[in-house]
Structure formats: structure tokens, C-alpha cells
Amino acid sequence: DVCSSDLSATSSLCETCRRAGAHLPRTQARATFDGTMREAIHALKYNDRPDVARSLARLLEAPAHTVTAGVTPVVVPVPLHVNRLEARGYDQAELLATHLARECGWPLLKAVMRTRDTPTQVGLGRAGRRANVVQAFSATSRLDGKSVLLVDDVMTTGATLTEVARTCRAVGAIAVVAVCAARDLSPSPVEVPR
């Protein structure tokens, strides 16, 4: 049980986690990416509604406490590239992480930056998504001996979280786990660009 997907009776890992191997951090999503949750995330990302982040962050408190298992983590948002940040005016994952860190009393550290403006993931399969984010991030801070809680809005294949987790481990993080507001479980995910 790494990503909190429904599991078959014969396996402790879903297909995404089996394919990602040990690099995918233990992740919990608050909900599936549909219905009201999809509407809320789209409002946050595409309808200039940064106020939605506070409510979504409150929903992430229980999953965050579950994945961190009593350890006080450094909260690290999965970053947007500066070009998308300038276009949107804010980074939705950073807003979620900021509110979550405040609610839980945990430190926030923007320890990772997106160094490459990756093309949209829309229409890409699992391998294409993975290739799209390879070496797209770099660390801005050392994380020696720290436990890290990554925060993002939506997890689809886990490719982005896996790459950010690798970046954190490369600069000394001893443990990396993640929470996201929603998990897209559709067989052929189609998303609006990040």
C-alpha cells in the first residue's frame, strides 16, 4: 500500500506502484479526481480561485498525519515552472502546502524548483509522462536527515511525485512521503495542462 489505491486481494501494491518500484513515495490522496473534487481543483487551478486551497488543505490534514506516521516532516510543495507560475499568478501546490503546514504546525520549505518547462502531460501514456519529467527538477536546499512531505494537487501516474522524491533524496532526505488532494484513476487520464 503505497498510494492508497484499491488493491486486489492478492497484492499489496497497485499497478502504478509496482511499475514505479521503490522510488514512488508513500502517497495518500484525499479523493478521486472526479465530481466535486475535480470541480474544486479546476476552480483553484484555472478559474483564479486561490481561496479554494485553504479548504482543500484542511481535507489533507488526516492523510498527511497518516503518511507521516508521527514524524514531523518538512512540507515541500511540488513546484510549477516559473512560466506557468507567471501565467497563473500563483502555484496551487504551494498554496496547498502553505495552508497544510500552518494547520499542522510543520515547517514549509520550498526545497525544489522546476528547472524545465515541461510540455503538457495530456495524451501521454505512463512512459511518456515519466520521460516528460525526468530531470525537470533541482533542489534549492539541502535536506540532510530530514523527513519530507511532498504536497501536490493531483496524482495521475505518480511520475512527477517520483521525480521530485528522487530530487529530495539526492540532497539528503531520509524519508519522502506525499499527499495530494486527488488521484486520477481513469484508465487513460486526460487532464487540463498544469
Protein backbone atom coordinates (compact mmCIF):
# COMPACT_ATOMS: atom_id res chain seq x y z
CA ASP A 1 0.00 0.00 0.00
CA VAL A 2 1.97 2.98 -1.30
CA CYS A 3 -0.54 5.26 -3.00
CA SER A 4 -3.78 4.26 -1.25
CA SER A 5 -5.41 2.87 -4.38
CA ASP A 6 -7.82 -0.01 -4.09
CA LEU A 7 -5.82 -3.21 -4.06
CA SER A 8 -6.59 -6.68 -5.27
CA ALA A 9 -6.79 -9.44 -2.70
CA THR A 10 -3.53 -10.88 -4.00
CA SER A 11 -1.29 -7.79 -4.00
CA SER A 12 -0.14 -5.12 -1.57
CA LEU A 13 0.79 -2.78 -4.47
CA CYS A 14 -1.33 -1.32 -7.27
CA GLU A 15 -0.08 -1.39 -10.87
CA THR A 16 1.30 2.20 -10.67
CA CYS A 17 3.33 1.42 -7.55
CA ARG A 18 4.64 -1.89 -8.92
CA ARG A 19 5.87 -0.13 -12.06
CA ALA A 20 7.43 2.78 -10.15
CA GLY A 21 9.33 0.48 -7.81
CA ALA A 22 10.89 1.91 -4.68
CA HIS A 23 11.07 5.48 -5.98
CA LEU A 24 7.40 6.39 -5.61
CA PRO A 25 6.86 7.82 -2.15
CA ARG A 26 4.08 6.52 0.09
CA THR A 27 1.21 8.70 -1.02
CA GLN A 28 -2.33 9.32 0.13
CA ALA A 29 -4.96 11.13 -1.88
CA ARG A 30 -7.99 12.63 -0.20
CA ALA A 31 -10.38 11.69 -3.01
CA THR A 32 -10.61 10.52 -6.58
CA PHE A 33 -10.32 13.17 -9.28
CA ASP A 34 -13.96 13.41 -10.23
CA GLY A 35 -17.18 15.19 -9.31
CA THR A 36 -16.92 17.88 -6.65
CA MET A 37 -13.19 17.35 -6.09
CA ARG A 38 -12.45 17.81 -9.78
CA GLU A 39 -14.55 20.99 -9.81
CA ALA A 40 -12.74 22.35 -6.75
CA ILE A 41 -9.28 21.64 -8.20
CA HIS A 42 -10.23 23.16 -11.55
CA ALA A 43 -11.54 26.25 -9.74
CA LEU A 44 -8.22 26.53 -7.90
CA LYS A 45 -6.05 25.97 -10.97
CA TYR A 46 -7.97 27.51 -13.85
CA ASN A 47 -10.65 29.85 -12.51
CA ASP A 48 -8.46 32.17 -10.41
CA ARG A 49 -9.78 30.81 -7.11
CA PRO A 50 -6.73 30.57 -4.80
CA ASP A 51 -9.13 30.72 -1.83
CA VAL A 52 -10.11 27.09 -2.55
CA ALA A 53 -6.63 25.98 -1.43
CA ARG A 54 -7.42 26.56 2.26
CA SER A 55 -10.41 24.19 2.19
CA LEU A 56 -8.53 21.55 0.22
CA ALA A 57 -5.59 21.80 2.63
CA ARG A 58 -7.90 21.11 5.57
CA LEU A 59 -9.00 17.94 3.81
CA LEU A 60 -5.35 16.89 3.54
CA GLU A 61 -4.66 17.01 7.29
CA ALA A 62 -5.76 13.44 8.08
CA PRO A 63 -3.94 11.86 5.11
CA ALA A 64 -0.83 13.90 5.97
CA HIS A 65 -0.81 12.61 9.54
CA THR A 66 -1.32 9.06 8.25
CA VAL A 67 1.60 9.06 5.80
CA THR A 68 4.00 10.85 8.14
CA ALA A 69 3.27 8.30 10.90
CA GLY A 70 4.03 10.61 13.82
CA VAL A 71 7.23 12.08 12.37
CA THR A 72 7.39 15.87 11.97
CA PRO A 73 8.20 16.45 8.30
CA VAL A 74 9.37 19.40 6.28
CA VAL A 75 6.48 20.24 3.94
CA VAL A 76 7.66 20.67 0.33
CA PRO A 77 5.30 21.71 -2.48
CA VAL A 78 5.66 20.18 -5.95
CA PRO A 79 6.59 23.33 -7.88
CA LEU A 80 5.31 24.87 -11.07
CA HIS A 81 7.78 26.17 -13.61
CA VAL A 82 8.23 29.95 -13.42
CA ASN A 83 6.48 30.39 -16.80
CA ARG A 84 3.30 28.68 -15.56
CA LEU A 85 3.56 30.49 -12.23
CA GLU A 86 3.66 33.85 -14.02
CA ALA A 87 0.71 32.88 -16.25
CA ARG A 88 -1.44 31.69 -13.32
CA GLY A 89 -0.28 34.18 -10.73
CA TYR A 90 0.17 31.56 -8.01
CA ASP A 91 1.30 27.97 -7.54
CA GLN A 92 -1.62 25.81 -6.44
CA ALA A 93 0.56 23.14 -4.80
CA GLU A 94 2.46 25.81 -2.89
CA LEU A 95 -0.82 27.27 -1.61
CA LEU A 96 -1.98 23.80 -0.51
CA ALA A 97 1.38 23.14 1.18
CA THR A 98 1.43 26.52 2.92
CA HIS A 99 -2.04 26.07 4.41
CA LEU A 100 -1.37 22.43 5.34
CA ALA A 101 1.93 23.28 7.04
CA ARG A 102 0.26 26.06 9.01
CA GLU A 103 -2.66 23.84 10.09
CA CYS A 104 -0.34 21.01 11.19
CA GLY A 105 2.34 23.23 12.74
CA TRP A 106 5.02 21.83 10.43
CA PRO A 107 7.76 23.81 8.67
CA LEU A 108 7.34 24.68 4.99
CA LEU A 109 10.39 24.65 2.74
CA LYS A 110 10.38 25.37 -0.99
CA ALA A 111 13.29 22.98 -1.43
CA VAL A 112 12.69 22.04 -5.07
CA MET A 113 12.31 24.08 -8.22
CA ARG A 114 11.12 23.04 -11.67
CA THR A 115 14.05 23.79 -13.95
CA ARG A 116 12.45 22.72 -17.19
CA ASP A 117 9.12 23.95 -18.52
CA THR A 118 7.78 20.52 -19.36
CA PRO A 119 5.16 20.10 -22.08
CA THR A 120 1.66 19.21 -21.01
CA GLN A 121 1.12 15.61 -19.93
CA VAL A 122 -2.23 15.43 -21.77
CA GLY A 123 -2.34 12.49 -24.14
CA LEU A 124 0.85 10.92 -22.81
CA GLY A 125 0.88 7.36 -21.55
CA ARG A 126 2.73 6.22 -18.44
CA ALA A 127 6.15 6.03 -20.14
CA GLY A 128 5.68 9.40 -21.85
CA ARG A 129 4.74 11.07 -18.58
CA ARG A 130 7.76 9.58 -16.85
CA ALA A 131 10.10 10.73 -19.64
CA ASN A 132 8.49 14.18 -19.62
CA VAL A 133 9.54 14.94 -16.03
CA VAL A 134 12.97 13.25 -15.88
CA GLN A 135 15.50 15.83 -14.67
CA ALA A 136 12.83 18.55 -14.66
CA PHE A 137 13.55 19.45 -11.01
CA SER A 138 16.51 20.54 -8.93
CA ALA A 139 16.98 21.14 -5.24
CA THR A 140 17.29 24.64 -3.82
CA SER A 141 18.12 23.47 -0.28
CA ARG A 142 19.89 20.57 1.39
CA LEU A 143 17.54 18.15 3.18
CA ASP A 144 20.15 16.22 5.17
CA GLY A 145 18.48 13.98 7.73
CA LYS A 146 15.01 15.42 7.12
CA SER A 147 11.74 13.65 6.52
CA VAL A 148 9.84 15.28 3.66
CA LEU A 149 6.12 15.53 2.97
CA LEU A 150 5.51 16.41 -0.69
CA VAL A 151 2.23 18.18 -1.48
CA ASP A 152 0.53 18.29 -4.88
CA ASP A 153 -2.98 18.77 -6.19
CA VAL A 154 -3.48 15.69 -8.41
CA MET A 155 -1.58 12.43 -8.83
CA THR A 156 -2.13 10.54 -12.06
CA THR A 157 0.67 8.05 -12.76
CA GLY A 158 2.99 9.17 -9.96
CA ALA A 159 5.71 10.25 -12.41
CA THR A 160 6.00 13.81 -11.07
CA LEU A 161 5.97 12.77 -7.41
CA THR A 162 8.56 10.09 -8.14
CA GLU A 163 10.91 12.57 -9.80
CA VAL A 164 10.51 15.16 -7.03
CA ALA A 165 11.11 12.42 -4.42
CA ARG A 166 14.33 11.43 -6.23
CA THR A 167 15.43 15.06 -6.17
CA CYS A 168 14.80 15.27 -2.41
CA ARG A 169 16.66 12.03 -1.70
CA ALA A 170 19.63 13.21 -3.75
CA VAL A 171 20.12 16.12 -1.33
CA GLY A 172 19.88 14.07 1.84
CA ALA A 173 16.22 13.48 2.68
CA ILE A 174 15.98 10.30 4.76
CA ALA A 175 12.30 9.72 4.02
CA VAL A 176 9.87 11.12 1.46
CA VAL A 177 6.09 10.68 1.58
CA ALA A 178 3.34 12.59 -0.23
CA VAL A 179 -0.24 13.76 -0.10
CA CYS A 180 -2.40 15.08 -2.89
CA ALA A 181 -5.94 16.34 -2.99
CA ALA A 182 -7.00 13.83 -5.64
CA ARG A 183 -5.89 10.74 -7.50
CA ASP A 184 -6.88 10.35 -11.13
CA LEU A 185 -7.73 6.67 -11.51
CA SER A 186 -9.08 6.89 -15.05
CA PRO A 187 -7.51 4.28 -17.33
CA SER A 188 -6.48 6.87 -19.93
CA PRO A 189 -6.14 10.11 -17.99
CA VAL A 190 -6.85 13.34 -19.78
CA GLU A 191 -6.06 16.45 -17.74
CA VAL A 192 -6.03 20.14 -18.34
CA PRO A 193 -2.37 21.27 -18.50
CA ARG A 194 -0.69 22.05 -15.18
